[in-house]
Amino acid sequence: MYGGENYWIAKILFQKGLASVYLIAFLVAYRQYSGLVGKDGILPIESFIEDKEFSEALSIFYFFNSDRFLKFSATSGILLSVIALTGTADIFGNLSYMTVWGSMWFLFLSFKNTGQEFYPSGNSLVEAGFLAIFLAPGIATPLLLVVLFRWFLFRMIFGAGLIKIVKGDEKWRDLTALNYFYKIQGSPNPLSKYFHKLPESVKKSGALFNHVVLLIVPFLFFAPQPYASIAGALIILHQLLILLSGNFYWLNLLTMTATAFTFSDELLIQLGAPDLAQGVTFSSFSGATIVLAGLIGIRSIPAVHNMLTGQDFSSTSYSPLRLVNTYGRYSRVYKEKKEVIIKGFKNGEWQEYEFYGKTSKLKRPRFIAPYTHRLDDVLWFVAHKPGENREFTGKILSKLKQGENKVESLFRDVPFEEPPEKIKAEIYRYDFDDKEDRDYWRREKIDEILQIGQENSS
């Protein structure tokens, strides 16, 4: 990093990776956004923005939020992602490049800022997307911009580790968190059961490895080569292990993409990568990078202050543009796997709605990552705090009771052609079924959150 290294290959790897993440994110929005926050969705944007200023909900959907426009915006994002992924955005120079990448950034910012409870994450994609606008085609990446990418990656990784030690529960500190983690996650994959069955000593070693990677390795991002590259490789290994153990959507792909700028051309060429240097090393973008660095530096002050004082280690933004954020997830590890199950009553019997990714029925889960299902993700949190989320759960049940098609589309299987007479949300406790000739899960009902419909609920 401090010896005249180049980052042409890193830039291309990062752009391809980020365009792929954008593509997934816009596909999610295309399939799900109308059912979540559209006109007849669970939490309509119109209701969300009616008492807010534009600066509080910085989004194009503040002005235009019809379901047709939401679909148009997601479709535009998909097309722009494909243009960026194929490199077509670079053909006409800086203006076309900045237009494509700037448009993707603002579109996803718009989805994020009006996504409400369904978009608690996404700050990392907004921040990475903004930095990507300054990766001009045909121009070597300025050292200062490389530092900014590494600072972004540092906050993502170190924040995820810090929240587990400082704000997390005792299971992270005594290295027993992975005894439960693979089972209790909201969207397990077919391999999750086998990770759960690993010997306790292996899982304790995994928890220790997690702490080392998240709390120590990030400081090597700012070290000379080859230490920065070693740090990047360890982050990639860590993220791949997470991806193997469960369906954790595109955040892991984005994290691996962000490691690109820890690898210099010189090292990658030694490993067999082609030399992609294009010879142009300076442009007006170098001056723009200085301005960007100043802006990021100023915006980083509250983030650093919170990290040093322990005020807030969660995923937090400090402005509607979300240019600099703090990051932190999975601080709490529950001992029991609890899930929200939704059932409707019609023709004398209760039947269950099946989710796309979240555990519901007893059959073997699927591989769905890096795609994600927003409703499934949110309901995992509801299962552990049902009392606090009773009103929110009621809105979901009301839409299903009405037979609202866009909300029904968020489920893999809706058991009724016509709206049910009654509908309810229950809490079930799940555990892996260890008998190979039976279902993947076993479960028992432990609570009922809410029921909507006529009185007789038997």
Protein backbone atom coordinates (compact mmCIF):
# COMPACT_ATOMS: atom_id res chain seq x y z
CA MET A 1 0.00 0.00 0.00
CA TYR A 2 2.87 2.32 0.69
CA GLY A 3 5.32 1.01 -1.91
CA GLY A 4 3.82 2.20 -5.19
CA GLU A 5 1.42 -0.71 -5.68
CA ASN A 6 -1.29 -0.57 -8.34
CA TYR A 7 -4.91 -1.66 -8.00
CA TRP A 8 -6.22 -2.07 -11.55
CA ILE A 9 -7.27 -5.66 -10.99
CA ALA A 10 -8.79 -4.80 -7.62
CA LYS A 11 -10.88 -2.07 -9.23
CA ILE A 12 -12.31 -4.42 -11.85
CA LEU A 13 -12.98 -7.16 -9.29
CA PHE A 14 -14.71 -4.66 -7.03
CA GLN A 15 -16.85 -3.21 -9.81
CA LYS A 16 -17.97 -6.64 -11.02
CA GLY A 17 -18.71 -7.78 -7.47
CA LEU A 18 -20.60 -4.63 -6.52
CA ALA A 19 -22.64 -4.68 -9.74
CA SER A 20 -23.61 -8.28 -8.89
CA VAL A 21 -24.73 -7.23 -5.42
CA TYR A 22 -26.75 -4.35 -6.88
CA LEU A 23 -28.36 -6.79 -9.32
CA ILE A 24 -29.48 -9.07 -6.49
CA ALA A 25 -30.72 -6.13 -4.41
CA PHE A 26 -32.81 -4.76 -7.28
CA LEU A 27 -34.20 -8.22 -8.06
CA VAL A 28 -35.31 -8.43 -4.43
CA ALA A 29 -36.96 -5.02 -4.75
CA TYR A 30 -38.67 -6.01 -8.01
CA ARG A 31 -40.14 -9.17 -6.51
CA GLN A 32 -40.99 -7.94 -3.02
CA TYR A 33 -41.10 -4.16 -2.59
CA SER A 34 -44.73 -3.61 -3.64
CA GLY A 35 -45.97 -6.27 -1.25
CA LEU A 36 -43.90 -4.85 1.58
CA VAL A 37 -44.42 -1.09 1.26
CA GLY A 38 -46.49 -0.49 -1.89
CA LYS A 39 -49.98 1.01 -1.97
CA ASP A 40 -51.62 -2.18 -0.69
CA GLY A 41 -48.52 -3.51 1.04
CA ILE A 42 -47.92 -4.21 4.71
CA LEU A 43 -46.41 -0.78 5.51
CA PRO A 44 -47.41 1.59 2.66
CA ILE A 45 -44.94 4.32 1.79
CA GLU A 46 -47.78 6.86 1.63
CA SER A 47 -48.47 6.38 5.34
CA PHE A 48 -44.76 6.40 6.18
CA ILE A 49 -43.99 9.76 4.55
CA GLU A 50 -47.15 11.69 5.37
CA ASP A 51 -45.64 13.29 8.51
CA LYS A 52 -42.04 13.46 7.28
CA GLU A 53 -39.96 16.05 5.50
CA PHE A 54 -38.09 15.02 2.37
CA SER A 55 -34.78 15.18 4.27
CA GLU A 56 -36.13 12.55 6.69
CA ALA A 57 -37.03 10.13 3.91
CA LEU A 58 -34.55 11.01 1.17
CA SER A 59 -35.97 8.98 -1.69
CA ILE A 60 -37.47 9.39 -5.13
CA PHE A 61 -40.44 7.51 -3.70
CA TYR A 62 -41.20 10.51 -1.51
CA PHE A 63 -42.72 12.06 -4.65
CA PHE A 64 -43.62 9.02 -6.77
CA ASN A 65 -44.64 5.84 -5.00
CA SER A 66 -47.25 4.06 -7.09
CA ASP A 67 -46.73 0.33 -7.45
CA ARG A 68 -46.07 0.84 -11.15
CA PHE A 69 -43.30 3.33 -10.39
CA LEU A 70 -41.77 1.04 -7.76
CA LYS A 71 -41.59 -1.73 -10.38
CA PHE A 72 -40.17 0.69 -12.95
CA SER A 73 -37.46 1.81 -10.52
CA ALA A 74 -36.49 -1.76 -9.65
CA THR A 75 -36.44 -2.69 -13.33
CA SER A 76 -34.23 0.33 -14.04
CA GLY A 77 -31.89 -0.78 -11.28
CA ILE A 78 -31.68 -4.27 -12.77
CA LEU A 79 -30.85 -2.89 -16.22
CA LEU A 80 -28.26 -0.49 -14.82
CA SER A 81 -26.68 -3.34 -12.86
CA VAL A 82 -26.34 -5.41 -16.01
CA ILE A 83 -24.81 -2.43 -17.83
CA ALA A 84 -22.29 -1.99 -15.01
CA LEU A 85 -21.59 -5.73 -14.77
CA THR A 86 -20.80 -6.02 -18.46
CA GLY A 87 -18.59 -2.92 -18.46
CA THR A 88 -20.84 -1.10 -20.93
CA ALA A 89 -20.95 1.89 -18.57
CA ASP A 90 -17.24 2.50 -19.24
CA ILE A 91 -17.49 2.76 -23.03
CA PHE A 92 -18.32 6.47 -23.22
CA GLY A 93 -15.96 7.61 -20.49
CA ASN A 94 -16.39 9.30 -17.15
CA LEU A 95 -19.81 10.84 -17.76
CA SER A 96 -21.54 7.60 -18.69
CA TYR A 97 -19.75 5.74 -15.89
CA MET A 98 -20.78 8.24 -13.21
CA THR A 99 -24.33 8.40 -14.57
CA VAL A 100 -24.81 4.63 -14.35
CA TRP A 101 -23.16 4.15 -10.97
CA GLY A 102 -24.67 7.33 -9.52
CA SER A 103 -28.14 6.25 -10.65
CA MET A 104 -27.76 2.83 -9.05
CA TRP A 105 -26.60 4.45 -5.84
CA PHE A 106 -29.56 6.82 -5.64
CA LEU A 107 -32.10 4.15 -6.61
CA PHE A 108 -30.95 1.79 -3.88
CA LEU A 109 -30.76 4.69 -1.40
CA SER A 110 -34.40 5.37 -2.29
CA PHE A 111 -35.41 1.77 -1.61
CA LYS A 112 -33.45 1.76 1.64
CA ASN A 113 -34.83 5.04 2.99
CA THR A 114 -38.49 4.08 2.48
CA GLY A 115 -38.15 0.35 3.17
CA GLN A 116 -38.84 0.90 6.88
CA GLU A 117 -38.70 -2.27 9.06
CA PHE A 118 -38.01 -4.40 6.01
CA TYR A 119 -34.72 -2.65 5.23
CA PRO A 120 -32.86 -2.51 8.57
CA SER A 121 -29.68 -3.36 6.66
CA GLY A 122 -28.41 -1.87 3.43
CA ASN A 123 -26.25 1.00 4.66
CA SER A 124 -23.16 -0.92 3.57
CA LEU A 125 -24.35 -1.15 -0.03
CA VAL A 126 -25.20 2.56 -0.07
CA GLU A 127 -21.76 3.49 1.26
CA ALA A 128 -19.86 1.15 -1.05
CA GLY A 129 -21.95 2.31 -3.99
CA PHE A 130 -21.13 5.93 -3.35
CA LEU A 131 -17.39 5.24 -3.25
CA ALA A 132 -17.68 3.24 -6.48
CA ILE A 133 -18.85 6.36 -8.36
CA PHE A 134 -15.28 7.68 -8.07
CA LEU A 135 -13.63 4.64 -9.69
CA ALA A 136 -13.27 6.31 -13.07
CA PRO A 137 -12.70 4.04 -16.10
CA GLY A 138 -9.21 3.92 -17.60
CA ILE A 139 -7.64 5.67 -14.62
CA ALA A 140 -5.53 4.12 -11.88
CA THR A 141 -7.24 4.08 -8.48
CA PRO A 142 -5.70 6.85 -6.35
CA LEU A 143 -4.02 5.65 -3.16
CA LEU A 144 -6.34 7.87 -1.13
CA LEU A 145 -9.39 6.09 -2.58
CA VAL A 146 -7.84 2.73 -1.74
CA VAL A 147 -7.53 3.95 1.86
CA LEU A 148 -11.22 4.99 1.86
CA PHE A 149 -12.31 1.54 0.69
CA ARG A 150 -10.21 -0.06 3.40
CA TRP A 151 -11.67 2.30 6.01
CA PHE A 152 -15.15 1.23 4.90
CA LEU A 153 -14.16 -2.44 5.15
CA PHE A 154 -12.56 -1.84 8.56
CA ARG A 155 -15.77 -0.40 10.00
CA MET A 156 -17.84 -3.27 8.62
CA ILE A 157 -15.60 -5.99 10.03
CA PHE A 158 -14.39 -4.41 13.26
CA GLY A 159 -17.90 -3.18 14.14
CA ALA A 160 -19.27 -6.71 13.73
CA GLY A 161 -16.66 -7.97 16.18
CA LEU A 162 -16.87 -5.13 18.67
CA ILE A 163 -20.63 -5.41 19.16
CA LYS A 164 -20.28 -9.10 20.05
CA ILE A 165 -17.72 -8.45 22.79
CA VAL A 166 -18.97 -5.16 24.23
CA LYS A 167 -22.73 -5.35 23.70
CA GLY A 168 -23.22 -9.04 22.92
CA ASP A 169 -24.31 -11.71 25.34
CA GLU A 170 -22.04 -13.97 27.38
CA LYS A 171 -22.08 -16.76 24.80
CA TRP A 172 -19.75 -14.81 22.51
CA ARG A 173 -17.34 -14.15 25.36
CA ASP A 174 -17.22 -17.74 26.63
CA LEU A 175 -16.98 -19.07 23.04
CA THR A 176 -20.21 -21.08 23.19
CA ALA A 177 -22.17 -18.94 20.69
CA LEU A 178 -21.75 -21.40 17.81
CA ASN A 179 -23.33 -24.14 19.91
CA TYR A 180 -26.61 -22.40 19.09
CA PHE A 181 -25.94 -20.07 16.15
CA TYR A 182 -26.32 -22.57 13.29
CA LYS A 183 -29.67 -23.77 14.61
CA ILE A 184 -31.35 -20.52 15.63
CA GLN A 185 -30.67 -18.54 12.43
CA GLY A 186 -33.76 -17.43 10.54
CA SER A 187 -32.97 -18.98 7.15
CA PRO A 188 -30.80 -22.07 7.56
CA ASN A 189 -29.58 -24.02 4.54
CA PRO A 190 -29.21 -27.81 4.12
CA LEU A 191 -25.71 -27.69 5.65
CA SER A 192 -26.73 -25.86 8.83
CA LYS A 193 -27.65 -29.07 10.65
CA TYR A 194 -24.19 -30.51 9.98
CA PHE A 195 -22.44 -27.38 11.22
CA HIS A 196 -24.59 -27.63 14.35
CA LYS A 197 -23.47 -31.24 14.86
CA LEU A 198 -19.76 -30.38 14.82
CA PRO A 199 -17.88 -31.23 18.05
CA GLU A 200 -18.08 -28.51 20.68
CA SER A 201 -14.31 -28.07 20.57
CA VAL A 202 -14.52 -27.27 16.85
CA LYS A 203 -17.32 -24.78 17.42
CA LYS A 204 -15.39 -23.08 20.24
CA SER A 205 -12.38 -22.83 17.94
CA GLY A 206 -14.67 -21.34 15.32
CA ALA A 207 -15.90 -18.69 17.77
CA LEU A 208 -12.31 -17.83 18.66
CA PHE A 209 -11.40 -17.63 14.96
CA ASN A 210 -14.40 -15.32 14.51
CA HIS A 211 -13.08 -12.94 17.18
CA VAL A 212 -9.57 -12.93 15.73
CA VAL A 213 -10.82 -12.22 12.21
CA LEU A 214 -13.23 -9.50 13.29
CA LEU A 215 -11.19 -7.73 15.97
CA ILE A 216 -7.51 -8.15 15.07
CA VAL A 217 -7.27 -8.78 11.33
CA PRO A 218 -8.94 -5.47 10.29
CA PHE A 219 -5.95 -3.47 11.57
CA LEU A 220 -3.82 -5.21 8.94
CA PHE A 221 -5.87 -3.56 6.19
CA PHE A 222 -3.66 -0.50 6.67
CA ALA A 223 -0.38 -2.44 6.81
CA PRO A 224 2.06 -2.79 3.89
CA GLN A 225 1.85 -5.75 1.52
CA PRO A 226 1.69 -8.68 1.84
CA TYR A 227 0.02 -8.22 5.25
CA ALA A 228 -2.98 -6.36 3.84
CA SER A 229 -3.55 -9.16 1.32
CA ILE A 230 -3.29 -11.80 4.03
CA ALA A 231 -5.92 -9.89 5.98
CA GLY A 232 -8.17 -9.77 2.92
CA ALA A 233 -7.75 -13.52 2.35
CA LEU A 234 -8.72 -14.26 5.96
CA ILE A 235 -11.86 -12.13 5.62
CA ILE A 236 -12.84 -14.02 2.45
CA LEU A 237 -12.30 -17.37 4.19
CA HIS A 238 -14.42 -16.23 7.13
CA GLN A 239 -17.24 -15.05 4.86
CA LEU A 240 -17.21 -18.27 2.84
CA LEU A 241 -17.60 -20.31 6.03
CA ILE A 242 -20.57 -18.15 7.01
CA LEU A 243 -22.14 -18.61 3.57
CA LEU A 244 -21.73 -22.38 3.82
CA SER A 245 -23.45 -22.49 7.21
CA GLY A 246 -26.65 -20.61 6.38
CA ASN A 247 -28.58 -18.32 4.05
CA PHE A 248 -27.20 -14.89 4.96
CA TYR A 249 -28.17 -12.91 1.84
CA TRP A 250 -25.84 -10.62 -0.12
CA LEU A 251 -24.02 -8.96 2.79
CA ASN A 252 -21.34 -11.66 2.72
CA LEU A 253 -20.87 -11.21 -1.03
CA LEU A 254 -20.53 -7.44 -0.51
CA THR A 255 -17.99 -7.98 2.27
CA MET A 256 -15.87 -10.25 0.07
CA THR A 257 -16.15 -7.73 -2.75
CA ALA A 258 -14.92 -4.96 -0.44
CA THR A 259 -11.73 -6.92 0.27
CA ALA A 260 -10.62 -6.37 -3.36
CA PHE A 261 -8.60 -3.29 -2.44
CA THR A 262 -6.48 -5.23 0.03
CA PHE A 263 -4.92 -7.10 -2.92
CA SER A 264 -2.35 -5.26 -5.06
CA ASP A 265 -1.81 -5.98 -8.76
CA GLU A 266 1.75 -7.07 -8.07
CA LEU A 267 0.63 -9.82 -5.71
CA LEU A 268 -2.28 -10.98 -7.88
CA ILE A 269 -0.08 -11.13 -11.00
CA GLN A 270 2.35 -13.35 -9.10
CA LEU A 271 -0.59 -15.62 -8.38
CA GLY A 272 -1.44 -15.86 -12.07
CA ALA A 273 -3.84 -12.95 -12.66
CA PRO A 274 -3.44 -11.01 -15.94
CA ASP A 275 -1.86 -7.56 -15.93
CA LEU A 276 -4.75 -5.15 -16.57
CA ALA A 277 -2.89 -1.85 -16.13
CA GLN A 278 -3.97 0.75 -18.67
CA GLY A 279 -1.24 3.33 -18.21
CA VAL A 280 -3.26 6.41 -17.24
CA THR A 281 -2.44 7.44 -13.71
CA PHE A 282 -3.87 10.92 -13.20
CA SER A 283 -7.02 12.89 -13.93
CA SER A 284 -9.39 15.37 -12.36
CA PHE A 285 -10.74 12.44 -10.38
CA SER A 286 -7.66 12.64 -8.17
CA GLY A 287 -8.82 16.08 -7.06
CA ALA A 288 -12.36 14.78 -6.57
CA THR A 289 -10.93 12.02 -4.39
CA ILE A 290 -9.33 14.60 -2.09
CA VAL A 291 -12.70 16.30 -1.64
CA LEU A 292 -14.34 12.91 -1.06
CA ALA A 293 -11.73 12.00 1.56
CA GLY A 294 -12.39 15.25 3.41
CA LEU A 295 -16.13 14.58 3.39
CA ILE A 296 -15.67 10.99 4.59
CA GLY A 297 -13.24 12.18 7.28
CA ILE A 298 -15.73 14.68 8.68
CA ARG A 299 -18.59 12.18 8.51
CA SER A 300 -16.43 9.59 10.27
CA ILE A 301 -16.08 11.64 13.45
CA PRO A 302 -19.41 10.58 15.05
CA ALA A 303 -18.88 6.98 13.91
CA VAL A 304 -15.43 6.82 15.53
CA HIS A 305 -16.71 8.57 18.65
CA ASN A 306 -19.47 6.02 19.09
CA MET A 307 -17.08 3.13 18.57
CA LEU A 308 -14.59 4.50 21.12
CA THR A 309 -17.15 5.43 23.77
CA GLY A 310 -19.35 2.35 23.38
CA GLN A 311 -22.48 4.41 22.79
CA ASP A 312 -23.64 2.52 19.71
CA PHE A 313 -22.13 -0.45 17.90
CA SER A 314 -25.20 -1.35 15.87
CA SER A 315 -25.75 -0.58 12.20
CA THR A 316 -26.25 3.17 12.40
CA SER A 317 -26.21 6.00 9.88
CA TYR A 318 -25.51 9.64 10.63
CA SER A 319 -27.23 11.34 7.69
CA PRO A 320 -30.00 10.56 5.17
CA LEU A 321 -27.32 10.05 2.48
CA ARG A 322 -25.76 7.25 4.57
CA LEU A 323 -22.23 8.04 3.37
CA VAL A 324 -20.49 6.89 6.57
CA ASN A 325 -22.02 4.36 8.95
CA THR A 326 -21.23 2.09 11.87
CA TYR A 327 -21.89 -1.61 11.47
CA GLY A 328 -22.67 -4.42 13.85
CA ARG A 329 -24.82 -7.56 13.67
CA TYR A 330 -25.53 -10.84 15.46
CA SER A 331 -24.65 -9.63 18.94
CA ARG A 332 -27.42 -11.70 20.50
CA VAL A 333 -27.44 -15.49 20.22
CA TYR A 334 -30.59 -17.17 21.53
CA LYS A 335 -30.49 -20.67 22.96
CA GLU A 336 -33.81 -21.65 21.39
CA LYS A 337 -34.95 -21.40 17.80
CA LYS A 338 -38.33 -19.66 17.74
CA GLU A 339 -40.30 -18.95 14.59
CA VAL A 340 -43.50 -17.14 13.70
CA ILE A 341 -45.99 -19.45 11.99
CA ILE A 342 -49.04 -18.02 10.20
CA LYS A 343 -52.18 -20.12 9.79
CA GLY A 344 -55.53 -19.44 8.14
CA PHE A 345 -58.88 -21.07 8.88
CA LYS A 346 -61.34 -22.01 6.17
CA ASN A 347 -63.74 -24.88 5.51
CA GLY A 348 -63.38 -26.16 9.04
CA GLU A 349 -59.59 -26.49 9.26
CA TRP A 350 -56.43 -24.49 9.96
CA GLN A 351 -53.82 -24.49 7.21
CA GLU A 352 -50.29 -23.09 7.27
CA TYR A 353 -48.73 -20.44 5.04
CA GLU A 354 -45.29 -21.48 3.84
CA PHE A 355 -42.40 -19.01 3.69
CA TYR A 356 -39.73 -18.90 1.01
CA GLY A 357 -36.63 -18.97 3.21
CA LYS A 358 -37.61 -18.76 6.87
CA THR A 359 -38.16 -21.99 8.75
CA SER A 360 -41.85 -22.87 8.79
CA LYS A 361 -42.82 -26.36 7.70
CA LEU A 362 -40.71 -29.33 8.77
CA LYS A 363 -39.06 -30.14 5.46
CA ARG A 364 -35.44 -29.69 4.47
CA PRO A 365 -34.45 -26.02 3.84
CA ARG A 366 -33.11 -24.74 0.51
CA PHE A 367 -30.06 -22.82 -0.61
CA ILE A 368 -31.30 -19.30 -1.41
CA ALA A 369 -28.34 -16.99 -0.56
CA PRO A 370 -27.27 -14.47 -1.69
CA TYR A 371 -30.93 -13.75 -2.52
CA THR A 372 -33.03 -12.78 0.51
CA HIS A 373 -36.67 -12.58 1.53
CA ARG A 374 -37.31 -9.41 3.50
CA LEU A 375 -40.50 -10.50 5.29
CA ASP A 376 -38.85 -13.75 6.40
CA ASP A 377 -35.89 -11.84 7.83
CA VAL A 378 -38.05 -9.46 9.85
CA LEU A 379 -40.29 -12.20 11.26
CA TRP A 380 -37.25 -13.92 12.79
CA PHE A 381 -36.86 -10.90 15.09
CA VAL A 382 -40.61 -10.82 15.76
CA ALA A 383 -40.46 -14.41 17.03
CA HIS A 384 -38.10 -13.41 19.84
CA LYS A 385 -39.97 -10.23 20.81
CA PRO A 386 -43.62 -10.93 19.89
CA GLY A 387 -45.14 -8.54 22.43
CA GLU A 388 -43.23 -5.54 21.05
CA ASN A 389 -44.26 -6.45 17.50
CA ARG A 390 -47.93 -7.27 18.00
CA GLU A 391 -49.14 -4.25 16.00
CA PHE A 392 -46.75 -5.02 13.14
CA THR A 393 -47.86 -8.66 13.11
CA GLY A 394 -51.47 -7.51 13.01
CA LYS A 395 -50.83 -5.54 9.82
CA ILE A 396 -49.48 -8.65 8.10
CA LEU A 397 -52.43 -10.74 9.24
CA SER A 398 -54.94 -8.09 8.17
CA LYS A 399 -53.56 -8.01 4.63
CA LEU A 400 -53.68 -11.80 4.41
CA LYS A 401 -57.21 -11.85 5.86
CA GLN A 402 -58.21 -9.49 3.03
CA GLY A 403 -56.56 -11.75 0.47
CA GLU A 404 -54.22 -9.00 -0.72
CA ASN A 405 -52.39 -10.53 -3.69
CA LYS A 406 -49.18 -8.52 -3.40
CA VAL A 407 -48.73 -9.56 0.23
CA GLU A 408 -49.61 -13.17 -0.57
CA SER A 409 -46.85 -13.12 -3.20
CA LEU A 410 -44.31 -12.83 -0.37
CA PHE A 411 -45.13 -16.44 0.61
CA ARG A 412 -44.06 -19.63 -1.16
CA ASP A 413 -47.44 -21.26 -0.59
CA VAL A 414 -50.81 -19.69 0.24
CA PRO A 415 -53.24 -22.49 1.15
CA PHE A 416 -56.42 -20.68 0.05
CA GLU A 417 -57.79 -19.41 -3.25
CA GLU A 418 -60.19 -17.15 -1.34
CA PRO A 419 -59.43 -15.18 1.86
CA PRO A 420 -59.60 -17.23 5.07
CA GLU A 421 -62.33 -16.79 7.67
CA LYS A 422 -59.77 -16.40 10.44
CA ILE A 423 -56.01 -16.00 10.56
CA LYS A 424 -53.48 -16.18 13.37
CA ALA A 425 -49.77 -15.94 14.14
CA GLU A 426 -48.24 -18.43 16.54
CA ILE A 427 -44.77 -18.99 18.01
CA TYR A 428 -43.19 -22.41 17.63
CA ARG A 429 -40.00 -23.79 19.13
CA TYR A 430 -37.89 -25.71 16.60
CA ASP A 431 -35.08 -28.21 16.91
CA PHE A 432 -33.23 -30.41 14.44
CA ASP A 433 -34.70 -33.88 14.11
CA ASP A 434 -31.75 -36.25 14.41
CA LYS A 435 -33.57 -39.27 12.97
CA GLU A 436 -32.66 -39.49 9.29
CA ASP A 437 -35.91 -41.23 8.27
CA ARG A 438 -38.05 -38.39 9.59
CA ASP A 439 -38.53 -34.69 8.94
CA TYR A 440 -35.64 -32.21 9.02
CA TRP A 441 -37.21 -30.39 12.00
CA ARG A 442 -39.36 -31.15 15.00
CA ARG A 443 -41.40 -28.40 16.62
CA GLU A 444 -43.90 -27.50 19.31
CA LYS A 445 -46.24 -24.56 19.74
CA ILE A 446 -45.36 -22.32 22.68
CA ASP A 447 -47.46 -19.17 22.21
CA GLU A 448 -49.97 -17.30 20.09
CA ILE A 449 -49.29 -13.67 19.17
CA LEU A 450 -52.56 -12.62 17.60
CA GLN A 451 -55.69 -13.91 15.88
CA ILE A 452 -57.97 -12.00 13.52
CA GLY A 453 -61.43 -13.19 12.56
CA GLN A 454 -64.58 -14.64 14.09
CA GLU A 455 -64.59 -15.73 17.69
CA ASN A 456 -64.39 -19.53 17.66
CA SER A 457 -60.67 -20.19 17.35
CA SER A 458 -60.56 -23.89 18.07
